[in-house]
Amino acid sequence: MASMTDIIFLLLIFFMITSSAISQSSIEVKLPTADTTNASVQDLAVVTIKEDGNYFVNDKPIEKGELEQYLVNTLKGEENPSFTIRADENTKHKDVVFVMGIAEAHRFNLAIATIQEN
């Protein structure tokens, strides 16, 4: 019986550690809602676009002109290069399309972060 308790505690510790490893961005954006959302694999890069048009990669500010080269360098050599776009729901369409164009030009897979509609 004691070994069963040990296993339960080990599983509890495992799930506590792995659930806290899921990264939450410190950049505040109001994500758009969607009917369904699918959790995806953690990407090497998360591009956040604030409502005012400021860009961030993995919570670090970056200039628009430097974004493409940074993504290319970060995703270089990856078997399945991909990144996530976290854009505020009030972000200008052209800013999101700019980042999507980078993905298309370099054949990167991308995901767009949303929150599930209640």
N, C-alpha and C. Protein backbone atom coordinates (compact mmCIF):
# COMPACT_ATOMS: atom_id res chain seq x y z
N MET A 1 0.82 -1.19 0.00
CA MET A 1 0.00 0.00 0.00
C MET A 1 0.87 1.26 0.00
N ALA A 2 1.99 1.20 0.69
CA ALA A 2 2.88 2.36 0.75
C ALA A 2 3.45 2.68 -0.63
N SER A 3 3.73 1.65 -1.42
CA SER A 3 4.29 1.90 -2.75
C SER A 3 3.26 2.59 -3.66
N MET A 4 1.98 2.26 -3.48
CA MET A 4 0.93 2.92 -4.26
C MET A 4 0.86 4.40 -3.90
N THR A 5 1.01 4.73 -2.63
CA THR A 5 1.01 6.12 -2.18
C THR A 5 2.20 6.86 -2.78
N ASP A 6 3.35 6.21 -2.82
CA ASP A 6 4.54 6.83 -3.41
C ASP A 6 4.31 7.14 -4.89
N ILE A 7 3.69 6.22 -5.59
CA ILE A 7 3.44 6.43 -7.01
C ILE A 7 2.48 7.60 -7.21
N ILE A 8 1.44 7.66 -6.40
CA ILE A 8 0.48 8.77 -6.50
C ILE A 8 1.17 10.10 -6.25
N PHE A 9 2.02 10.17 -5.23
CA PHE A 9 2.74 11.41 -4.94
C PHE A 9 3.70 11.77 -6.07
N LEU A 10 4.37 10.79 -6.63
CA LEU A 10 5.27 11.07 -7.75
C LEU A 10 4.50 11.60 -8.96
N LEU A 11 3.35 11.01 -9.24
CA LEU A 11 2.52 11.51 -10.34
C LEU A 11 2.04 12.94 -10.07
N LEU A 12 1.65 13.19 -8.84
CA LEU A 12 1.21 14.53 -8.46
C LEU A 12 2.32 15.55 -8.66
N ILE A 13 3.52 15.22 -8.21
CA ILE A 13 4.67 16.11 -8.38
C ILE A 13 4.97 16.31 -9.86
N PHE A 14 4.93 15.24 -10.64
CA PHE A 14 5.20 15.34 -12.07
C PHE A 14 4.23 16.31 -12.75
N PHE A 15 2.93 16.15 -12.48
CA PHE A 15 1.95 17.02 -13.12
C PHE A 15 2.04 18.46 -12.63
N MET A 16 2.42 18.65 -11.39
CA MET A 16 2.59 20.01 -10.89
C MET A 16 3.75 20.70 -11.59
N ILE A 17 4.84 19.99 -11.79
CA ILE A 17 6.02 20.57 -12.43
C ILE A 17 5.75 20.83 -13.91
N THR A 18 5.15 19.87 -14.60
CA THR A 18 4.93 20.07 -16.04
C THR A 18 3.87 21.12 -16.31
N SER A 19 2.88 21.24 -15.45
CA SER A 19 1.87 22.26 -15.69
C SER A 19 2.42 23.66 -15.47
N SER A 20 3.38 23.81 -14.57
CA SER A 20 3.99 25.13 -14.36
C SER A 20 5.01 25.45 -15.44
N ALA A 21 5.43 24.46 -16.21
CA ALA A 21 6.40 24.70 -17.28
C ALA A 21 5.75 25.32 -18.51
N ILE A 22 4.44 25.27 -18.59
CA ILE A 22 3.74 25.90 -19.71
C ILE A 22 3.95 27.39 -19.60
N SER A 23 4.51 27.98 -20.65
CA SER A 23 4.87 29.39 -20.56
C SER A 23 3.66 30.29 -20.74
N GLN A 24 3.58 31.26 -19.89
CA GLN A 24 2.58 32.30 -20.00
C GLN A 24 3.33 33.60 -20.24
N SER A 25 2.95 34.30 -21.25
CA SER A 25 3.64 35.52 -21.62
C SER A 25 3.33 36.63 -20.62
N SER A 26 4.31 37.48 -20.38
CA SER A 26 4.10 38.61 -19.49
C SER A 26 3.60 39.84 -20.24
N ILE A 27 3.54 39.77 -21.56
CA ILE A 27 3.03 40.87 -22.36
C ILE A 27 1.50 40.76 -22.37
N GLU A 28 0.84 41.80 -21.90
CA GLU A 28 -0.61 41.79 -21.81
C GLU A 28 -1.24 42.13 -23.17
N VAL A 29 -1.94 41.18 -23.73
CA VAL A 29 -2.73 41.42 -24.92
C VAL A 29 -4.08 40.74 -24.72
N LYS A 30 -5.11 41.32 -25.29
CA LYS A 30 -6.44 40.73 -25.23
C LYS A 30 -6.61 39.88 -26.48
N LEU A 31 -6.52 38.56 -26.31
CA LEU A 31 -6.59 37.66 -27.45
C LEU A 31 -8.01 37.59 -28.00
N PRO A 32 -8.14 37.41 -29.31
CA PRO A 32 -9.47 37.24 -29.89
C PRO A 32 -10.07 35.91 -29.45
N THR A 33 -11.39 35.80 -29.54
CA THR A 33 -12.05 34.55 -29.17
C THR A 33 -12.30 33.71 -30.40
N ALA A 34 -12.45 32.41 -30.18
CA ALA A 34 -12.74 31.47 -31.25
C ALA A 34 -13.71 30.43 -30.71
N ASP A 35 -14.46 29.79 -31.61
CA ASP A 35 -15.38 28.74 -31.19
C ASP A 35 -14.64 27.56 -30.57
N THR A 36 -13.53 27.21 -31.17
CA THR A 36 -12.73 26.10 -30.65
C THR A 36 -11.27 26.51 -30.63
N THR A 37 -10.56 25.97 -29.69
CA THR A 37 -9.11 26.17 -29.64
C THR A 37 -8.47 24.81 -29.42
N ASN A 38 -7.33 24.61 -30.03
CA ASN A 38 -6.57 23.38 -29.87
C ASN A 38 -5.23 23.73 -29.25
N ALA A 39 -4.89 23.06 -28.17
CA ALA A 39 -3.59 23.28 -27.57
C ALA A 39 -2.53 22.71 -28.50
N SER A 40 -1.45 23.44 -28.68
CA SER A 40 -0.42 22.98 -29.59
C SER A 40 0.88 22.78 -28.83
N VAL A 41 1.86 22.28 -29.55
CA VAL A 41 3.17 22.06 -28.98
C VAL A 41 3.84 23.41 -28.74
N GLN A 42 4.67 23.48 -27.74
CA GLN A 42 5.38 24.72 -27.42
C GLN A 42 6.32 25.09 -28.56
N ASP A 43 6.16 26.28 -29.10
CA ASP A 43 7.01 26.75 -30.19
C ASP A 43 8.27 27.40 -29.64
N LEU A 44 9.32 27.45 -30.48
CA LEU A 44 10.55 28.13 -30.09
C LEU A 44 10.38 29.63 -30.02
N ALA A 45 9.44 30.15 -30.79
CA ALA A 45 9.24 31.60 -30.84
C ALA A 45 7.75 31.90 -30.75
N VAL A 46 7.44 32.90 -29.95
CA VAL A 46 6.08 33.42 -29.86
C VAL A 46 6.16 34.91 -30.18
N VAL A 47 5.53 35.31 -31.28
CA VAL A 47 5.54 36.70 -31.70
C VAL A 47 4.28 37.36 -31.14
N THR A 48 4.46 38.34 -30.29
CA THR A 48 3.34 39.08 -29.71
C THR A 48 3.25 40.43 -30.39
N ILE A 49 2.04 40.80 -30.79
CA ILE A 49 1.81 42.10 -31.43
C ILE A 49 0.80 42.84 -30.57
N LYS A 50 1.22 43.96 -30.01
CA LYS A 50 0.32 44.76 -29.19
C LYS A 50 -0.55 45.64 -30.07
N GLU A 51 -1.60 46.17 -29.47
CA GLU A 51 -2.56 47.02 -30.19
C GLU A 51 -1.88 48.21 -30.84
N ASP A 52 -0.83 48.75 -30.20
CA ASP A 52 -0.13 49.92 -30.73
C ASP A 52 0.89 49.58 -31.81
N GLY A 53 1.00 48.29 -32.18
CA GLY A 53 1.89 47.88 -33.27
C GLY A 53 3.29 47.50 -32.81
N ASN A 54 3.53 47.45 -31.51
CA ASN A 54 4.84 47.02 -31.02
C ASN A 54 4.94 45.50 -31.09
N TYR A 55 6.14 45.03 -31.49
CA TYR A 55 6.38 43.60 -31.65
C TYR A 55 7.26 43.11 -30.51
N PHE A 56 7.02 41.86 -30.10
CA PHE A 56 7.83 41.19 -29.08
C PHE A 56 8.03 39.76 -29.55
N VAL A 57 9.21 39.21 -29.27
CA VAL A 57 9.46 37.79 -29.51
C VAL A 57 9.88 37.20 -28.18
N ASN A 58 9.11 36.22 -27.74
CA ASN A 58 9.34 35.60 -26.43
C ASN A 58 9.47 36.66 -25.34
N ASP A 59 8.57 37.62 -25.37
CA ASP A 59 8.46 38.70 -24.37
C ASP A 59 9.57 39.74 -24.43
N LYS A 60 10.41 39.69 -25.46
CA LYS A 60 11.47 40.69 -25.61
C LYS A 60 11.11 41.62 -26.77
N PRO A 61 11.16 42.94 -26.56
CA PRO A 61 10.81 43.86 -27.65
C PRO A 61 11.76 43.71 -28.83
N ILE A 62 11.20 43.87 -30.02
CA ILE A 62 12.00 43.78 -31.23
C ILE A 62 11.43 44.76 -32.26
N GLU A 63 12.31 45.33 -33.04
CA GLU A 63 11.88 46.25 -34.10
C GLU A 63 11.30 45.45 -35.25
N LYS A 64 10.34 46.03 -35.95
CA LYS A 64 9.69 45.37 -37.07
C LYS A 64 10.70 44.94 -38.12
N GLY A 65 11.68 45.78 -38.40
CA GLY A 65 12.68 45.47 -39.41
C GLY A 65 13.63 44.34 -39.04
N GLU A 66 13.74 44.03 -37.77
CA GLU A 66 14.64 42.97 -37.30
C GLU A 66 13.92 41.64 -37.10
N LEU A 67 12.60 41.66 -37.16
CA LEU A 67 11.80 40.47 -36.83
C LEU A 67 12.09 39.29 -37.74
N GLU A 68 12.11 39.52 -39.05
CA GLU A 68 12.30 38.42 -39.99
C GLU A 68 13.63 37.72 -39.77
N GLN A 69 14.71 38.49 -39.66
CA GLN A 69 16.03 37.88 -39.48
C GLN A 69 16.11 37.13 -38.16
N TYR A 70 15.50 37.67 -37.12
CA TYR A 70 15.50 37.00 -35.82
C TYR A 70 14.78 35.65 -35.91
N LEU A 71 13.61 35.62 -36.57
CA LEU A 71 12.88 34.37 -36.70
C LEU A 71 13.65 33.35 -37.54
N VAL A 72 14.26 33.81 -38.61
CA VAL A 72 15.04 32.91 -39.46
C VAL A 72 16.19 32.30 -38.66
N ASN A 73 16.90 33.12 -37.88
CA ASN A 73 18.01 32.62 -37.09
C ASN A 73 17.54 31.68 -35.98
N THR A 74 16.41 32.00 -35.37
CA THR A 74 15.90 31.18 -34.26
C THR A 74 15.41 29.82 -34.75
N LEU A 75 14.75 29.80 -35.90
CA LEU A 75 14.14 28.56 -36.39
C LEU A 75 15.02 27.78 -37.35
N LYS A 76 16.21 28.32 -37.63
CA LYS A 76 17.14 27.66 -38.55
C LYS A 76 17.52 26.28 -38.00
N GLY A 77 17.47 25.28 -38.86
CA GLY A 77 17.87 23.93 -38.48
C GLY A 77 16.80 23.12 -37.79
N GLU A 78 15.64 23.69 -37.56
CA GLU A 78 14.54 22.95 -36.95
C GLU A 78 13.90 22.03 -37.98
N GLU A 79 13.52 20.84 -37.55
CA GLU A 79 12.88 19.89 -38.44
C GLU A 79 11.51 20.39 -38.90
N ASN A 80 10.78 20.98 -37.99
CA ASN A 80 9.45 21.50 -38.30
C ASN A 80 9.36 22.93 -37.74
N PRO A 81 9.96 23.90 -38.44
CA PRO A 81 10.00 25.26 -37.90
C PRO A 81 8.61 25.88 -37.79
N SER A 82 8.29 26.36 -36.60
CA SER A 82 6.98 26.96 -36.40
C SER A 82 7.05 28.00 -35.30
N PHE A 83 6.10 28.93 -35.33
CA PHE A 83 5.99 29.91 -34.26
C PHE A 83 4.53 30.28 -34.09
N THR A 84 4.24 30.95 -33.00
CA THR A 84 2.87 31.35 -32.68
C THR A 84 2.76 32.86 -32.72
N ILE A 85 1.65 33.34 -33.26
CA ILE A 85 1.35 34.77 -33.25
C ILE A 85 0.34 35.02 -32.14
N ARG A 86 0.68 35.89 -31.20
CA ARG A 86 -0.24 36.35 -30.16
C ARG A 86 -0.51 37.81 -30.45
N ALA A 87 -1.64 38.09 -31.06
CA ALA A 87 -1.96 39.46 -31.42
C ALA A 87 -3.18 39.93 -30.65
N ASP A 88 -3.12 41.14 -30.14
CA ASP A 88 -4.26 41.73 -29.47
C ASP A 88 -5.43 41.77 -30.45
N GLU A 89 -6.65 41.59 -29.94
CA GLU A 89 -7.80 41.56 -30.83
C GLU A 89 -8.01 42.89 -31.56
N ASN A 90 -7.40 43.97 -31.08
CA ASN A 90 -7.52 45.27 -31.74
C ASN A 90 -6.29 45.65 -32.55
N THR A 91 -5.39 44.71 -32.73
CA THR A 91 -4.20 44.95 -33.54
C THR A 91 -4.60 45.17 -34.99
N LYS A 92 -3.90 46.06 -35.68
CA LYS A 92 -4.19 46.30 -37.09
C LYS A 92 -3.89 45.04 -37.90
N HIS A 93 -4.77 44.79 -38.83
CA HIS A 93 -4.66 43.62 -39.69
C HIS A 93 -3.31 43.57 -40.40
N LYS A 94 -2.82 44.72 -40.83
CA LYS A 94 -1.56 44.75 -41.59
C LYS A 94 -0.38 44.25 -40.76
N ASP A 95 -0.41 44.44 -39.43
CA ASP A 95 0.68 43.96 -38.59
C ASP A 95 0.69 42.44 -38.51
N VAL A 96 -0.50 41.84 -38.43
CA VAL A 96 -0.59 40.37 -38.39
C VAL A 96 -0.21 39.79 -39.75
N VAL A 97 -0.67 40.42 -40.82
CA VAL A 97 -0.37 39.94 -42.16
C VAL A 97 1.14 40.03 -42.44
N PHE A 98 1.79 41.06 -41.91
CA PHE A 98 3.25 41.19 -42.07
C PHE A 98 3.96 39.96 -41.50
N VAL A 99 3.57 39.55 -40.30
CA VAL A 99 4.20 38.39 -39.66
C VAL A 99 3.84 37.11 -40.40
N MET A 100 2.61 37.01 -40.87
CA MET A 100 2.20 35.84 -41.65
C MET A 100 2.99 35.76 -42.96
N GLY A 101 3.32 36.90 -43.53
CA GLY A 101 4.14 36.93 -44.75
C GLY A 101 5.54 36.38 -44.52
N ILE A 102 6.09 36.65 -43.34
CA ILE A 102 7.40 36.09 -42.99
C ILE A 102 7.30 34.57 -42.95
N ALA A 103 6.25 34.07 -42.33
CA ALA A 103 6.06 32.61 -42.25
C ALA A 103 5.94 31.99 -43.63
N GLU A 104 5.18 32.65 -44.49
CA GLU A 104 4.98 32.11 -45.84
C GLU A 104 6.27 32.15 -46.65
N ALA A 105 7.01 33.24 -46.54
CA ALA A 105 8.25 33.39 -47.32
C ALA A 105 9.29 32.34 -46.96
N HIS A 106 9.30 31.93 -45.70
CA HIS A 106 10.32 30.96 -45.25
C HIS A 106 9.74 29.58 -44.98
N ARG A 107 8.48 29.40 -45.35
CA ARG A 107 7.79 28.12 -45.17
C ARG A 107 7.79 27.67 -43.71
N PHE A 108 7.55 28.60 -42.82
CA PHE A 108 7.38 28.29 -41.40
C PHE A 108 5.91 27.98 -41.16
N ASN A 109 5.67 27.02 -40.28
CA ASN A 109 4.30 26.78 -39.83
C ASN A 109 3.99 27.82 -38.77
N LEU A 110 2.74 28.21 -38.69
CA LEU A 110 2.40 29.16 -37.65
C LEU A 110 1.05 28.85 -37.06
N ALA A 111 0.88 29.29 -35.83
CA ALA A 111 -0.39 29.17 -35.12
C ALA A 111 -0.78 30.56 -34.65
N ILE A 112 -2.07 30.79 -34.54
CA ILE A 112 -2.54 32.06 -34.03
C ILE A 112 -3.23 31.80 -32.70
N ALA A 113 -2.75 32.45 -31.65
CA ALA A 113 -3.29 32.23 -30.32
C ALA A 113 -4.65 32.90 -30.17
N THR A 114 -5.59 32.15 -29.61
CA THR A 114 -6.91 32.70 -29.32
C THR A 114 -7.34 32.17 -27.94
N ILE A 115 -8.43 32.69 -27.45
CA ILE A 115 -9.03 32.13 -26.24
C ILE A 115 -10.38 31.56 -26.61
N GLN A 116 -10.79 30.52 -25.90
CA GLN A 116 -12.05 29.85 -26.24
C GLN A 116 -13.23 30.69 -25.79
N GLU A 117 -14.18 30.80 -26.68
CA GLU A 117 -15.40 31.55 -26.39
C GLU A 117 -16.25 30.75 -25.44
N ASN A 118 -16.82 31.39 -24.45
CA ASN A 118 -17.64 30.67 -23.46
C ASN A 118 -18.98 30.29 -23.98
